[in-house]
Amino acid sequence: MSIILCRVDEIAEGTARSFVIGGGTARRDIVVARKDGHIFAYENSCPHEGTPLETFPDKFLNQDGSLFVCSTHGARFRIEDGFCVSGPCEGKALMSVAVLIEHGRLSVE
């Protein structure tokens, strides 16, 4: 069963948003970004210590919107593949989340 997160047009180009779905042990925190017209989704968990990437709601990206930045230790990740390009988890990657876009809505399984 898929869970609708939002309408695709609710994620503006060059931005990222967080979605928390489920509860208890089934709780998932997902970050979704739009870059160059494409949608990318990852578990909102830094591979260094498992902390969420953002300190403030939906503040995931560096100043020019080109990279995710972990607010805990400053690790930087490419939006396109979640690969860490600098910081304490360099060489590791965010865990990708498969999303489905159907009828203008963005959902996850």
Protein backbone atom coordinates (compact mmCIF):
# COMPACT_ATOMS: atom_id res chain seq x y z
CA MET A 1 0.00 0.00 0.00
CA SER A 2 1.46 3.33 -1.00
CA ILE A 3 1.34 6.43 1.19
CA ILE A 4 0.84 9.79 -0.50
CA LEU A 5 3.32 12.40 0.74
CA CYS A 6 2.18 15.46 -1.24
CA ARG A 7 1.49 16.82 -4.68
CA VAL A 8 4.69 16.93 -6.73
CA ASP A 9 4.24 20.67 -7.35
CA GLU A 10 4.46 21.25 -3.58
CA ILE A 11 8.20 20.63 -3.76
CA ALA A 12 9.66 23.65 -5.52
CA GLU A 13 12.77 23.44 -7.68
CA GLY A 14 15.91 23.75 -5.52
CA THR A 15 14.17 22.90 -2.25
CA ALA A 16 13.79 19.90 0.05
CA ARG A 17 11.05 18.84 2.47
CA SER A 18 10.74 16.32 5.25
CA PHE A 19 7.88 13.87 5.68
CA VAL A 20 7.29 11.70 8.73
CA ILE A 21 5.08 8.71 8.13
CA GLY A 22 3.95 5.91 10.40
CA GLY A 23 4.55 5.65 14.10
CA GLY A 24 6.39 3.61 16.67
CA THR A 25 8.83 1.13 15.15
CA ALA A 26 7.26 1.71 11.71
CA ARG A 27 8.02 5.47 11.81
CA ARG A 28 9.96 6.79 8.81
CA ASP A 29 11.44 10.24 8.32
CA ILE A 30 12.00 10.93 4.62
CA VAL A 31 13.59 13.93 2.90
CA VAL A 32 12.50 14.72 -0.65
CA ALA A 33 14.33 17.19 -2.88
CA ARG A 34 13.76 18.57 -6.37
CA LYS A 35 16.78 19.37 -8.49
CA ASP A 36 16.87 20.03 -12.23
CA GLY A 37 13.24 18.90 -12.46
CA HIS A 38 13.94 15.50 -10.86
CA ILE A 39 12.70 14.21 -7.50
CA PHE A 40 15.14 12.50 -5.12
CA ALA A 41 14.18 10.87 -1.80
CA TYR A 42 16.26 9.53 1.10
CA GLU A 43 15.88 8.41 4.67
CA ASN A 44 16.44 11.52 6.79
CA SER A 45 19.32 9.94 8.67
CA CYS A 46 22.99 10.86 8.41
CA PRO A 47 25.14 7.72 7.94
CA HIS A 48 27.65 9.11 10.45
CA GLU A 49 25.51 8.94 13.60
CA GLY A 50 21.95 8.37 12.41
CA THR A 51 20.79 11.87 13.32
CA PRO A 52 18.31 13.76 11.12
CA LEU A 53 20.02 16.01 8.58
CA GLU A 54 18.21 19.20 9.55
CA THR A 55 17.99 21.14 12.82
CA PHE A 56 15.22 23.44 11.62
CA PRO A 57 12.20 22.17 9.65
CA ASP A 58 12.97 21.71 5.95
CA LYS A 59 16.45 23.33 6.16
CA PHE A 60 18.42 20.61 4.38
CA LEU A 61 20.41 22.32 1.65
CA ASN A 62 23.53 24.45 1.50
CA GLN A 63 23.24 28.11 0.54
CA ASP A 64 23.20 27.56 -3.23
CA GLY A 65 20.92 24.50 -2.99
CA SER A 66 23.44 22.14 -4.56
CA LEU A 67 24.06 19.76 -1.60
CA PHE A 68 22.34 18.32 1.45
CA VAL A 69 24.14 19.37 4.64
CA CYS A 70 23.95 17.48 7.94
CA SER A 71 23.47 20.13 10.60
CA THR A 72 25.02 17.91 13.29
CA HIS A 73 28.55 17.52 11.90
CA GLY A 74 28.51 19.35 8.55
CA ALA A 75 28.68 16.36 6.23
CA ARG A 76 27.72 17.27 2.64
CA PHE A 77 25.83 14.95 0.29
CA ARG A 78 25.07 15.14 -3.43
CA ILE A 79 21.35 15.46 -4.04
CA GLU A 80 21.44 13.24 -7.14
CA ASP A 81 22.72 10.10 -5.41
CA GLY A 82 23.07 10.88 -1.68
CA PHE A 83 26.85 10.31 -1.79
CA CYS A 84 28.81 12.05 0.98
CA VAL A 85 31.45 14.28 -0.60
CA SER A 86 32.86 15.74 2.63
CA GLY A 87 32.61 15.37 6.38
CA PRO A 88 32.90 12.55 8.91
CA CYS A 89 31.04 10.03 6.72
CA GLU A 90 32.84 10.84 3.46
CA GLY A 91 32.43 8.00 0.97
CA LYS A 92 29.19 6.73 2.50
CA ALA A 93 25.72 7.64 1.24
CA LEU A 94 22.22 8.43 2.38
CA MET A 95 19.77 5.54 2.05
CA SER A 96 17.59 6.15 -0.99
CA VAL A 97 13.82 5.78 -0.86
CA ALA A 98 11.83 4.68 -3.89
CA VAL A 99 9.05 7.10 -4.73
CA LEU A 100 6.20 6.88 -7.17
CA ILE A 101 4.77 9.84 -9.06
CA GLU A 102 1.26 9.21 -10.24
CA HIS A 103 -1.48 11.68 -11.15
CA GLY A 104 0.70 14.52 -9.89
CA ARG A 105 1.09 12.96 -6.45
CA LEU A 106 4.26 11.74 -4.79
CA SER A 107 4.02 8.55 -2.74
CA VAL A 108 6.16 5.86 -1.10
CA GLU A 109 5.49 2.18 -0.47
